[in-house]
Amino acid sequence: MRALVSVSDKRGVVEFARELAALGCEIVSTGGTADTLRKAGVPVTPIEQVTGFPEMMDGRVKTLHPKVHGGLLARRGHAGDRAALQQHGITPIDLVAVNLYPFRETIARPGVTFEQAIEQIDIGGPSMLRSAAKNHQDVIVVVDPDDYPVVLSALKSGAVAPGVSPGTAGVSPGIAGVSPGIAGVSPELRRELAAKVFAHTAAYDAAIHGYLVRDRPGWPERITLALERRQELRYGENPHQAAALYAVDEPGIRDVEQLHGKELSFNNLLDVDAALAAVAPWSGSDRAACAIIKHTTPCGIALGPVPAAAYERALATDRTSAFGSVIAFNAGVDRAAAEAMRELFVEVVVAPAFRDDALGVLREKKNLRVLRLAADPDPPGWDFKRIRGGFLVQERSRPARAAAEVEWKVVTRRSPTEAEWTDLRFAWAAVGTVKSNAILLAQREAAIGIGAGQMSRVDASFLAVHKARQQGHDPAGAVLASDAFFPFADGVEEAARAGVRAIIQPGGSVNDAEVIAAADRHGLAMVVTGVRQFRH
């Protein structure tokens, strides 16, 4: 039996090769892998002894040879293939353990040049993997080091005398190196391993394609997505729907670390994503931010000097709706914040860090999920929304930034006071995470009323005021943020009747003059940002 072992990820490769050698397998290897095995005392046949050619061009060419691919692709039960092996002196290769150059890891490093990235595009590795996977009826192919124990166990269970391999009946005993047997490695396992290869190489090619097109202007003709299943979920949005979590190869939900609690649900994950987006504008800030999420939209959001204060202020937005919520922080959770959340039923708490004493408090609730994952203040890539038979793709919406204020304009006779400016900045950052049509009332950098998901903007204004009063807040003196322009003056009139003193909105309506005139009539200050923040 002959095995070709050539890996970039060398986890477990020495132990794997040593066990193969103990089973009587000849190990053929390349470059660094051969050195690693040789130093560990594993007998190795260098690839150049098989091909008759040295590795060349800085390792770009080493396995691209008929002695390699003929040995991989030969069908053991095919008379013509067996004759070709004998005619050209090719020894069959019965097992391939290959994983690829670290292209994705390389391009993730800051400052990597284009030339460095290109040199991490593997050619020989994918070729060998595809050849072996195509011929998996006769060849075992292993791309994942985690599969080494499974393959070894199967090989040991089916070990037979040399020359008695299933599928090799009738092969001339004069063909040196014909497999001693892959009994035990069932056709089902070989097929599963082969399928894993094609998923791996597809993801690898998708990463290369994405790198080559990511900085080009315009939209590429094709977008390739490689999705890895991270978790099977109990059910989807409703109990009758099966569901699973798949992640792309970029920072985000794949990096979540669950520190406590039962498994996450489909709806939990949707709300976690919304919660992280809600606190992202304050990532890296010296102010603590807390967002309380229900059905992917904030029912509370606020800033504070410490996490516990931010939580209490966010909870005060709408204590009723906060029941069964997902809560996110932009800063590490300490014991005081954990104690503050003790009395509320919460589905998930997510933050970039948790103190040990805080975890002790949170773990008293058996079903509470505690997640460690930082909100990304400037997420890379594209945003995908599923529609029937396709995807809508757009640039990701970035959190509202103070730097964008240079484009803001005061359009009313009255300018905001200093205190109003502070609240307007907060409200503008917060309203972008509320479902459209969205209106958010704020006082002292905390939301006091949120009108979300309404079909008309005047209804959203009415609802924000109603929710504020329902929770005991007085809207008099508050500021208002609108995620899109006011099509008519009625939304401003509604806000003025409640005592709102300043408004921030994108502007751009054909009725802007009418809207501004209404603000002036009531002595309101109005700031126009020129940027819409719809969230459908």
Protein backbone atom coordinates (compact mmCIF):
# COMPACT_ATOMS: atom_id res chain seq x y z
CA MET A 1 0.00 0.00 0.00
CA ARG A 2 1.32 3.47 -0.86
CA ALA A 3 0.24 6.74 0.75
CA LEU A 4 1.07 10.25 -0.40
CA VAL A 5 1.22 12.70 2.52
CA SER A 6 1.71 16.42 1.86
CA VAL A 7 0.17 18.87 4.31
CA SER A 8 0.36 22.52 5.32
CA ASP A 9 -1.61 21.90 8.52
CA LYS A 10 0.66 19.40 10.25
CA ARG A 11 -1.63 18.64 13.19
CA GLY A 12 -1.37 14.92 13.92
CA VAL A 13 0.47 14.11 10.69
CA VAL A 14 3.46 12.45 12.41
CA GLU A 15 1.25 10.12 14.42
CA PHE A 16 -0.90 9.38 11.37
CA ALA A 17 2.08 8.56 9.14
CA ARG A 18 3.71 6.47 11.86
CA GLU A 19 0.56 4.36 12.20
CA LEU A 20 0.36 3.96 8.40
CA ALA A 21 3.97 2.82 8.30
CA ALA A 22 3.24 0.30 11.06
CA LEU A 23 0.51 -1.12 8.81
CA GLY A 24 3.16 -1.72 6.12
CA CYS A 25 2.34 1.39 4.10
CA GLU A 26 5.02 3.18 2.06
CA ILE A 27 4.91 6.91 2.78
CA VAL A 28 5.63 9.26 -0.14
CA SER A 29 5.99 12.90 0.82
CA THR A 30 7.07 16.37 -0.31
CA GLY A 31 9.22 19.24 0.99
CA GLY A 32 8.45 20.35 4.51
CA THR A 33 6.17 17.42 5.28
CA ALA A 34 8.90 14.95 4.32
CA ASP A 35 11.37 16.78 6.59
CA THR A 36 8.90 16.72 9.48
CA LEU A 37 8.27 12.98 9.10
CA ARG A 38 11.95 12.18 8.61
CA LYS A 39 12.93 14.06 11.77
CA ALA A 40 10.27 12.12 13.67
CA GLY A 41 11.79 8.83 12.49
CA VAL A 42 9.05 7.92 10.00
CA PRO A 43 10.46 6.28 6.83
CA VAL A 44 9.75 8.54 3.84
CA THR A 45 10.13 8.20 0.08
CA PRO A 46 10.80 11.69 -1.39
CA ILE A 47 8.44 12.67 -4.20
CA GLU A 48 11.36 13.17 -6.61
CA GLN A 49 12.17 9.44 -6.38
CA VAL A 50 8.65 8.74 -7.63
CA THR A 51 8.52 11.32 -10.43
CA GLY A 52 12.18 11.34 -11.45
CA PHE A 53 12.09 15.14 -11.34
CA PRO A 54 13.26 17.45 -8.56
CA GLU A 55 10.91 19.90 -6.88
CA MET A 56 11.37 23.13 -8.83
CA MET A 57 10.37 26.77 -9.18
CA ASP A 58 10.42 27.35 -5.41
CA GLY A 59 8.10 24.39 -4.89
CA ARG A 60 5.52 25.49 -7.45
CA VAL A 61 6.07 22.20 -9.31
CA LYS A 62 6.54 18.96 -7.45
CA THR A 63 3.50 16.65 -7.72
CA LEU A 64 2.18 17.63 -11.16
CA HIS A 65 3.36 14.43 -12.87
CA PRO A 66 1.82 11.30 -14.47
CA LYS A 67 3.61 9.10 -11.92
CA VAL A 68 1.50 10.84 -9.28
CA HIS A 69 -1.82 11.37 -11.04
CA GLY A 70 -1.64 8.07 -12.93
CA GLY A 71 -1.21 6.37 -9.55
CA LEU A 72 -4.21 8.23 -8.18
CA LEU A 73 -6.61 7.94 -11.11
CA ALA A 74 -5.99 4.33 -12.15
CA ARG A 75 -9.10 2.18 -11.73
CA ARG A 76 -8.00 -1.05 -10.10
CA GLY A 77 -10.72 -3.09 -11.78
CA HIS A 78 -10.15 -1.62 -15.26
CA ALA A 79 -7.97 -3.78 -17.51
CA GLY A 80 -6.81 -0.84 -19.65
CA ASP A 81 -5.78 1.20 -16.59
CA ARG A 82 -3.90 -1.77 -15.14
CA ALA A 83 -2.07 -2.26 -18.43
CA ALA A 84 -1.12 1.44 -18.49
CA LEU A 85 0.25 1.19 -14.97
CA GLN A 86 2.40 -1.78 -15.96
CA GLN A 87 3.53 -0.27 -19.27
CA HIS A 88 4.69 3.01 -17.68
CA GLY A 89 5.96 1.66 -14.39
CA ILE A 90 3.46 3.54 -12.28
CA THR A 91 2.74 2.40 -8.74
CA PRO A 92 -0.86 2.94 -7.57
CA ILE A 93 -1.38 5.39 -4.70
CA ASP A 94 -3.97 4.08 -2.29
CA LEU A 95 -4.25 6.88 0.23
CA VAL A 96 -3.80 10.64 -0.05
CA ALA A 97 -3.52 12.94 2.99
CA VAL A 98 -3.31 16.50 1.70
CA ASN A 99 -4.38 19.91 2.95
CA LEU A 100 -3.77 23.18 1.24
CA TYR A 101 -1.59 26.25 1.49
CA PRO A 102 -3.06 28.70 4.04
CA PHE A 103 -4.48 31.17 1.53
CA ARG A 104 -7.33 32.45 3.70
CA GLU A 105 -5.11 32.82 6.74
CA THR A 106 -2.54 34.70 4.65
CA ILE A 107 -4.92 37.28 3.20
CA ALA A 108 -6.40 37.86 6.67
CA ARG A 109 -3.05 39.19 7.93
CA PRO A 110 -2.61 42.98 7.84
CA GLY A 111 -0.24 44.30 5.21
CA VAL A 112 -0.07 41.17 3.06
CA THR A 113 1.01 42.00 -0.48
CA PHE A 114 -0.65 40.74 -3.63
CA GLU A 115 2.49 38.71 -4.49
CA GLN A 116 2.47 37.04 -1.07
CA ALA A 117 -1.20 36.14 -1.47
CA ILE A 118 -0.68 34.69 -4.95
CA GLU A 119 2.10 32.39 -3.74
CA GLN A 120 -0.38 30.87 -1.29
CA ILE A 121 -2.65 29.66 -4.10
CA ASP A 122 -2.11 25.90 -4.00
CA ILE A 123 -2.03 24.07 -7.35
CA GLY A 124 -0.66 20.60 -6.72
CA GLY A 125 -2.70 20.07 -3.55
CA PRO A 126 -6.15 20.62 -5.09
CA SER A 127 -5.09 18.56 -8.14
CA MET A 128 -4.14 15.57 -6.01
CA LEU A 129 -7.24 15.90 -3.86
CA ARG A 130 -9.55 16.05 -6.86
CA SER A 131 -7.84 13.10 -8.56
CA ALA A 132 -8.07 10.99 -5.42
CA ALA A 133 -11.65 12.06 -4.69
CA LYS A 134 -12.73 11.27 -8.25
CA ASN A 135 -11.28 7.78 -7.83
CA HIS A 136 -12.51 7.29 -4.27
CA GLN A 137 -13.75 3.80 -5.12
CA ASP A 138 -10.10 2.77 -5.07
CA VAL A 139 -8.37 5.58 -3.15
CA ILE A 140 -8.81 6.91 0.38
CA VAL A 141 -8.54 10.71 0.50
CA VAL A 142 -8.15 12.70 3.72
CA VAL A 143 -8.25 16.50 3.73
CA ASP A 144 -9.13 17.10 7.39
CA PRO A 145 -6.65 16.09 10.14
CA ASP A 146 -9.62 15.41 12.42
CA ASP A 147 -10.42 12.43 10.17
CA TYR A 148 -7.05 10.69 10.72
CA PRO A 149 -8.31 8.56 13.68
CA VAL A 150 -11.40 7.44 11.76
CA VAL A 151 -9.36 6.36 8.75
CA LEU A 152 -6.76 4.57 10.88
CA SER A 153 -9.45 2.72 12.79
CA ALA A 154 -11.08 1.60 9.54
CA LEU A 155 -7.76 0.51 8.04
CA LYS A 156 -6.88 -1.51 11.13
CA SER A 157 -10.27 -3.18 11.25
CA GLY A 158 -9.90 -4.34 7.64
CA ALA A 159 -6.17 -5.11 7.52
CA VAL A 160 -5.49 -8.05 5.18
CA ALA A 161 -2.46 -9.63 3.59
CA PRO A 162 -0.71 -7.68 0.82
CA GLY A 163 -2.28 -8.11 -2.61
CA VAL A 164 -5.76 -9.04 -1.39
CA SER A 165 -7.45 -5.65 -1.68
CA PRO A 166 -11.10 -5.55 -2.68
CA GLY A 167 -11.42 -4.44 -6.28
CA THR A 168 -7.96 -5.72 -7.29
CA ALA A 169 -8.93 -9.25 -8.26
CA GLY A 170 -7.18 -10.27 -11.44
CA VAL A 171 -4.46 -7.62 -11.16
CA SER A 172 -1.14 -8.97 -12.28
CA PRO A 173 1.08 -9.68 -9.27
CA GLY A 174 3.91 -8.26 -11.36
CA ILE A 175 2.60 -4.70 -10.88
CA ALA A 176 4.66 -3.48 -7.97
CA GLY A 177 2.84 -1.60 -5.22
CA VAL A 178 -0.72 -2.69 -5.94
CA SER A 179 -2.70 -1.89 -2.80
CA PRO A 180 -2.40 -4.37 0.05
CA GLY A 181 -6.00 -3.59 0.93
CA ILE A 182 -8.40 -0.89 1.97
CA ALA A 183 -10.82 -3.36 3.51
CA GLY A 184 -12.56 -1.79 6.48
CA VAL A 185 -12.70 1.59 4.80
CA SER A 186 -16.23 1.20 3.58
CA PRO A 187 -17.47 2.63 0.27
CA GLU A 188 -19.71 4.92 2.33
CA LEU A 189 -16.76 6.33 4.31
CA ARG A 190 -14.66 6.76 1.16
CA ARG A 191 -17.53 8.62 -0.50
CA GLU A 192 -18.02 10.81 2.58
CA LEU A 193 -14.32 11.68 2.61
CA ALA A 194 -14.42 12.44 -1.13
CA ALA A 195 -17.43 14.74 -0.71
CA LYS A 196 -15.54 16.56 2.03
CA VAL A 197 -12.69 17.14 -0.44
CA PHE A 198 -14.89 18.83 -3.02
CA ALA A 199 -16.51 21.02 -0.34
CA HIS A 200 -13.01 21.98 0.84
CA THR A 201 -11.64 22.81 -2.60
CA ALA A 202 -14.82 24.71 -3.50
CA ALA A 203 -14.43 26.85 -0.40
CA TYR A 204 -10.75 27.35 -1.18
CA ASP A 205 -11.50 28.50 -4.73
CA ALA A 206 -14.29 30.75 -3.44
CA ALA A 207 -11.82 32.48 -1.13
CA ILE A 208 -9.39 33.06 -4.01
CA HIS A 209 -12.14 34.37 -6.28
CA GLY A 210 -13.38 36.70 -3.55
CA TYR A 211 -9.88 38.04 -2.99
CA LEU A 212 -9.27 38.71 -6.68
CA VAL A 213 -12.53 40.60 -7.20
CA ARG A 214 -13.03 42.30 -3.85
CA ASP A 215 -11.30 45.60 -4.70
CA ARG A 216 -12.51 45.84 -8.29
CA PRO A 217 -15.15 48.47 -9.09
CA GLY A 218 -18.68 47.34 -9.84
CA TRP A 219 -20.35 44.04 -9.08
CA PRO A 220 -18.71 40.76 -10.18
CA GLU A 221 -20.53 38.56 -12.65
CA ARG A 222 -20.61 35.75 -10.10
CA ILE A 223 -20.41 35.62 -6.33
CA THR A 224 -19.21 32.38 -4.80
CA LEU A 225 -20.18 31.62 -1.22
CA ALA A 226 -18.68 28.85 0.87
CA LEU A 227 -20.91 28.14 3.86
CA GLU A 228 -19.83 25.85 6.69
CA ARG A 229 -22.41 24.24 8.93
CA ARG A 230 -21.66 25.33 12.48
CA GLN A 231 -24.69 24.03 14.29
CA GLU A 232 -27.96 22.19 13.79
CA LEU A 233 -30.76 24.11 15.47
CA ARG A 234 -33.73 22.72 17.33
CA TYR A 235 -36.05 24.38 14.81
CA GLY A 236 -36.42 27.50 12.71
CA GLU A 237 -38.59 30.55 13.26
CA ASN A 238 -41.41 28.14 14.16
CA PRO A 239 -41.31 24.61 15.64
CA HIS A 240 -42.44 22.93 12.41
CA GLN A 241 -39.41 24.29 10.46
CA ALA A 242 -36.06 22.46 10.48
CA ALA A 243 -33.03 24.77 10.60
CA ALA A 244 -29.25 24.99 10.88
CA LEU A 245 -26.60 27.69 11.22
CA TYR A 246 -24.09 28.08 8.38
CA ALA A 247 -21.24 30.59 8.52
CA VAL A 248 -19.08 32.22 5.89
CA ASP A 249 -15.32 32.45 6.24
CA GLU A 250 -15.12 35.95 7.70
CA PRO A 251 -15.33 37.47 11.20
CA GLY A 252 -18.77 37.23 12.72
CA ILE A 253 -21.02 34.53 14.12
CA ARG A 254 -18.42 31.81 13.45
CA ASP A 255 -16.33 33.40 16.25
CA VAL A 256 -19.03 33.21 18.92
CA GLU A 257 -18.02 31.45 22.13
CA GLN A 258 -20.90 30.16 24.24
CA LEU A 259 -19.94 30.30 27.90
CA HIS A 260 -23.18 29.05 29.42
CA GLY A 261 -26.73 27.94 28.74
CA LYS A 262 -28.73 25.75 26.43
CA GLU A 263 -28.18 25.72 22.70
CA LEU A 264 -29.02 28.77 20.62
CA SER A 265 -32.19 28.90 18.59
CA PHE A 266 -32.81 30.30 15.10
CA ASN A 267 -34.54 33.37 16.54
CA ASN A 268 -31.83 33.83 19.18
CA LEU A 269 -29.22 34.11 16.44
CA LEU A 270 -31.25 36.67 14.50
CA ASP A 271 -31.60 38.76 17.63
CA VAL A 272 -27.92 38.37 18.56
CA ASP A 273 -26.95 39.73 15.16
CA ALA A 274 -29.30 42.69 15.58
CA ALA A 275 -28.05 43.32 19.13
CA LEU A 276 -24.41 43.42 18.06
CA ALA A 277 -25.28 45.86 15.26
CA ALA A 278 -27.11 48.05 17.77
CA VAL A 279 -24.06 48.55 20.03
CA ALA A 280 -21.50 48.63 17.20
CA PRO A 281 -21.51 52.46 16.86
CA TRP A 282 -19.93 52.65 20.33
CA SER A 283 -17.32 49.89 19.95
CA GLY A 284 -14.08 51.20 21.39
CA SER A 285 -15.88 54.06 23.13
CA ASP A 286 -15.13 55.01 26.72
CA ARG A 287 -18.90 54.96 27.30
CA ALA A 288 -20.73 51.73 27.95
CA ALA A 289 -23.56 50.93 25.53
CA CYS A 290 -26.39 48.47 26.05
CA ALA A 291 -29.07 47.36 23.60
CA ILE A 292 -32.09 45.24 24.49
CA ILE A 293 -33.53 43.46 21.44
CA LYS A 294 -36.93 41.94 20.76
CA HIS A 295 -37.76 40.53 17.32
CA THR A 296 -34.55 41.98 15.80
CA THR A 297 -35.26 45.59 16.82
CA PRO A 298 -34.28 47.50 19.95
CA CYS A 299 -36.90 47.98 22.65
CA GLY A 300 -34.21 49.72 24.70
CA ILE A 301 -30.84 51.30 23.98
CA ALA A 302 -28.72 53.63 26.07
CA LEU A 303 -25.26 54.78 27.07
CA GLY A 304 -23.85 54.99 30.58
CA PRO A 305 -20.58 55.43 32.45
CA VAL A 306 -20.47 51.69 33.23
CA PRO A 307 -22.32 48.62 31.85
CA ALA A 308 -24.74 48.39 34.78
CA ALA A 309 -25.83 52.00 34.31
CA ALA A 310 -26.19 51.56 30.54
CA TYR A 311 -28.35 48.47 31.15
CA GLU A 312 -30.62 50.18 33.69
CA ARG A 313 -31.15 53.10 31.32
CA ALA A 314 -31.81 50.80 28.33
CA LEU A 315 -34.25 48.73 30.40
CA ALA A 316 -36.12 51.91 31.36
CA THR A 317 -36.93 52.54 27.68
CA ASP A 318 -39.54 49.78 27.71
CA ARG A 319 -39.53 47.43 30.69
CA THR A 320 -42.57 45.54 29.42
CA SER A 321 -41.09 44.57 26.05
CA ALA A 322 -37.70 43.64 27.55
CA PHE A 323 -39.12 40.34 28.89
CA GLY A 324 -37.55 37.44 26.94
CA SER A 325 -35.04 39.68 25.20
CA VAL A 326 -31.47 39.47 23.92
CA ILE A 327 -29.09 41.95 25.55
CA ALA A 328 -25.80 43.17 24.09
CA PHE A 329 -23.01 45.29 25.55
CA ASN A 330 -20.12 47.02 23.82
CA ALA A 331 -17.91 46.49 26.89
CA GLY A 332 -17.06 43.69 29.31
CA VAL A 333 -19.80 42.67 31.74
CA ASP A 334 -18.90 42.98 35.43
CA ARG A 335 -20.67 41.66 38.51
CA ALA A 336 -22.72 44.83 38.95
CA ALA A 337 -24.18 44.50 35.45
CA ALA A 338 -24.87 40.80 35.97
CA GLU A 339 -26.63 41.52 39.26
CA ALA A 340 -28.70 44.23 37.58
CA MET A 341 -29.99 41.67 35.03
CA ARG A 342 -30.80 39.06 37.71
CA GLU A 343 -34.52 39.80 37.96
CA LEU A 344 -35.32 39.97 34.22
CA PHE A 345 -36.04 36.93 32.09
CA VAL A 346 -33.43 37.12 29.35
CA GLU A 347 -32.79 34.70 26.48
CA VAL A 348 -29.19 35.71 25.63
CA VAL A 349 -26.51 38.07 26.93
CA VAL A 350 -23.69 38.86 24.48
CA ALA A 351 -20.59 40.94 25.19
CA PRO A 352 -16.90 41.06 24.26
CA ALA A 353 -15.88 39.85 27.74
CA PHE A 354 -17.25 38.71 31.11
CA ARG A 355 -15.58 38.91 34.51
CA ASP A 356 -15.46 35.63 36.41
CA ASP A 357 -17.69 36.96 39.19
CA ALA A 358 -20.21 38.13 36.56
CA LEU A 359 -20.28 34.67 35.01
CA GLY A 360 -20.93 33.22 38.45
CA VAL A 361 -24.07 35.32 38.73
CA LEU A 362 -25.27 34.68 35.17
CA ARG A 363 -24.74 30.92 35.45
CA GLU A 364 -27.29 30.77 38.23
CA LYS A 365 -29.86 30.89 35.42
CA LYS A 366 -29.65 27.44 33.82
CA ASN A 367 -31.26 28.35 30.51
CA LEU A 368 -29.66 31.76 29.97
CA ARG A 369 -27.25 31.72 27.01
CA VAL A 370 -24.08 33.69 27.65
CA LEU A 371 -22.03 34.52 24.54
CA ARG A 372 -18.63 36.11 24.14
CA LEU A 373 -18.44 37.94 20.82
CA ALA A 374 -17.43 41.50 20.10
CA ALA A 375 -19.50 43.74 17.85
CA ASP A 376 -17.59 44.64 14.71
CA PRO A 377 -17.74 48.43 14.32
CA ASP A 378 -16.94 48.29 10.61
CA PRO A 379 -17.94 44.87 9.24
CA PRO A 380 -16.30 43.78 5.99
CA GLY A 381 -17.97 42.32 2.94
CA TRP A 382 -21.50 42.37 1.64
CA ASP A 383 -24.95 42.05 3.11
CA PHE A 384 -27.20 39.32 1.66
CA LYS A 385 -30.96 39.15 1.87
CA ARG A 386 -32.76 36.06 0.67
CA ILE A 387 -35.66 36.24 -1.73
CA ARG A 388 -37.32 33.36 -3.54
CA GLY A 389 -34.86 31.93 -6.03
CA GLY A 390 -32.06 34.40 -5.35
CA PHE A 391 -30.27 36.88 -3.15
CA LEU A 392 -30.24 40.64 -2.95
CA VAL A 393 -26.69 41.83 -2.31
CA GLN A 394 -25.67 45.23 -1.02
CA GLU A 395 -22.80 46.95 0.70
CA ARG A 396 -23.07 46.57 4.44
CA SER A 397 -24.50 49.57 6.22
CA ARG A 398 -21.85 50.99 8.51
CA PRO A 399 -22.67 52.43 11.92
CA ALA A 400 -23.30 56.18 12.09
CA ARG A 401 -20.02 57.96 12.70
CA ALA A 402 -19.23 61.33 14.27
CA ALA A 403 -16.90 62.00 11.32
CA ALA A 404 -19.97 62.15 9.06
CA GLU A 405 -21.18 65.25 10.90
CA VAL A 406 -19.29 67.48 8.49
CA GLU A 407 -22.11 66.74 6.02
CA TRP A 408 -24.88 67.58 8.50
CA LYS A 409 -26.79 70.86 8.14
CA VAL A 410 -28.98 72.80 10.51
CA VAL A 411 -31.96 73.79 8.32
CA THR A 412 -34.12 75.64 10.88
CA ARG A 413 -33.85 79.10 12.36
CA ARG A 414 -33.01 77.62 15.76
CA SER A 415 -29.82 75.57 16.17
CA PRO A 416 -29.63 72.71 18.70
CA THR A 417 -28.26 73.46 22.13
CA GLU A 418 -25.10 71.66 23.22
CA ALA A 419 -27.15 69.15 25.21
CA GLU A 420 -29.45 68.59 22.22
CA TRP A 421 -26.45 67.99 19.95
CA THR A 422 -25.25 65.25 22.31
CA ASP A 423 -28.64 63.56 22.24
CA LEU A 424 -29.03 64.00 18.47
CA ARG A 425 -25.72 62.20 17.88
CA PHE A 426 -26.85 59.34 20.10
CA ALA A 427 -30.32 59.16 18.54
CA TRP A 428 -28.96 59.15 14.99
CA ALA A 429 -26.62 56.22 15.78
CA ALA A 430 -29.41 54.33 17.58
CA VAL A 431 -32.23 54.78 15.07
CA GLY A 432 -30.25 53.04 12.30
CA THR A 433 -30.77 49.68 14.02
CA VAL A 434 -34.55 50.08 14.41
CA LYS A 435 -36.86 48.47 11.84
CA SER A 436 -38.29 50.93 9.32
CA ASN A 437 -40.30 53.08 9.44
CA ALA A 438 -38.36 54.10 12.53
CA ILE A 439 -38.69 57.00 14.98
CA LEU A 440 -36.64 57.18 18.17
CA LEU A 441 -36.99 59.64 21.03
CA ALA A 442 -33.95 60.23 23.24
CA GLN A 443 -33.04 62.10 26.40
CA ARG A 444 -29.58 62.19 27.99
CA GLU A 445 -28.20 59.54 25.59
CA ALA A 446 -30.94 57.01 26.25
CA ALA A 447 -33.96 56.04 24.17
CA ILE A 448 -37.24 56.84 25.88
CA GLY A 449 -39.64 55.86 23.10
CA ILE A 450 -39.28 53.83 19.90
CA GLY A 451 -41.73 53.57 17.02
CA ALA A 452 -40.65 50.65 14.84
CA GLY A 453 -41.85 48.89 11.71
CA GLN A 454 -44.78 51.16 11.00
CA MET A 455 -46.33 51.60 7.57
CA SER A 456 -46.41 55.39 7.88
CA ARG A 457 -43.93 57.77 9.50
CA VAL A 458 -46.62 59.73 11.35
CA ASP A 459 -47.76 56.45 12.97
CA ALA A 460 -44.14 55.73 13.95
CA SER A 461 -43.97 59.20 15.57
CA PHE A 462 -47.27 58.61 17.38
CA LEU A 463 -46.10 55.19 18.58
CA ALA A 464 -42.75 56.49 19.86
CA VAL A 465 -44.55 59.15 21.92
CA HIS A 466 -47.15 56.64 23.12
CA LYS A 467 -44.47 54.13 24.19
CA ALA A 468 -42.56 56.84 26.04
CA ARG A 469 -45.61 57.93 28.02
CA GLN A 470 -46.67 54.33 28.62
CA GLN A 471 -43.36 53.72 30.41
CA GLY A 472 -43.58 56.93 32.44
CA HIS A 473 -41.26 59.09 30.33
CA ASP A 474 -42.05 62.71 29.56
CA PRO A 475 -41.19 63.46 25.89
CA ALA A 476 -40.99 67.20 26.63
CA GLY A 477 -37.47 68.35 25.86
CA ALA A 478 -36.53 65.11 24.06
CA VAL A 479 -34.88 64.86 20.65
CA LEU A 480 -36.22 62.78 17.79
CA ALA A 481 -34.38 60.77 15.12
CA SER A 482 -36.06 59.53 11.94
CA ASP A 483 -34.39 56.88 9.78
CA ALA A 484 -35.77 58.47 6.56
CA PHE A 485 -37.21 61.80 5.52
CA PHE A 486 -40.59 63.10 6.61
CA PRO A 487 -42.81 62.97 3.50
CA PHE A 488 -45.23 65.43 5.12
CA ALA A 489 -45.24 67.80 8.05
CA ASP A 490 -47.63 65.62 10.10
CA GLY A 491 -44.81 63.65 11.75
CA VAL A 492 -43.16 66.88 12.91
CA GLU A 493 -46.50 68.19 14.17
CA GLU A 494 -46.98 64.99 16.19
CA ALA A 495 -43.52 65.35 17.73
CA ALA A 496 -44.04 69.04 18.53
CA ARG A 497 -47.32 68.33 20.33
CA ALA A 498 -45.39 65.94 22.58
CA GLY A 499 -42.79 68.58 23.44
CA VAL A 500 -39.89 67.35 21.29
CA ARG A 501 -37.31 70.13 20.92
CA ALA A 502 -34.92 68.91 18.18
CA ILE A 503 -35.09 66.53 15.21
CA ILE A 504 -32.45 64.77 13.14
CA GLN A 505 -33.45 63.22 9.81
CA PRO A 506 -31.98 62.58 6.34
CA GLY A 507 -33.99 65.16 4.40
CA GLY A 508 -34.57 64.84 0.67
CA SER A 509 -38.37 64.92 0.52
CA VAL A 510 -40.11 67.00 -2.14
CA ASN A 511 -41.92 68.50 0.86
CA ASP A 512 -38.77 69.41 2.81
CA ALA A 513 -39.72 73.10 2.77
CA GLU A 514 -43.10 72.30 4.33
CA VAL A 515 -41.46 70.04 6.96
CA ILE A 516 -38.84 72.67 7.87
CA ALA A 517 -41.50 75.37 8.06
CA ALA A 518 -43.46 73.23 10.55
CA ALA A 519 -40.33 72.86 12.68
CA ASP A 520 -39.73 76.61 12.60
CA ARG A 521 -43.36 77.28 13.49
CA HIS A 522 -42.94 75.23 16.67
CA GLY A 523 -39.46 76.51 17.52
CA LEU A 524 -37.80 73.14 16.89
CA ALA A 525 -34.20 72.71 15.79
CA MET A 526 -33.78 70.38 12.80
CA VAL A 527 -30.60 68.76 11.50
CA VAL A 528 -30.46 67.12 8.06
CA THR A 529 -27.81 64.40 7.57
CA GLY A 530 -28.26 63.59 3.88
CA VAL A 531 -28.06 59.84 4.66
CA ARG A 532 -31.00 57.44 4.91
CA GLN A 533 -30.90 54.52 7.38
CA PHE A 534 -33.67 52.15 6.27
CA ARG A 535 -33.63 48.70 7.86
CA HIS A 536 -36.28 46.52 6.20
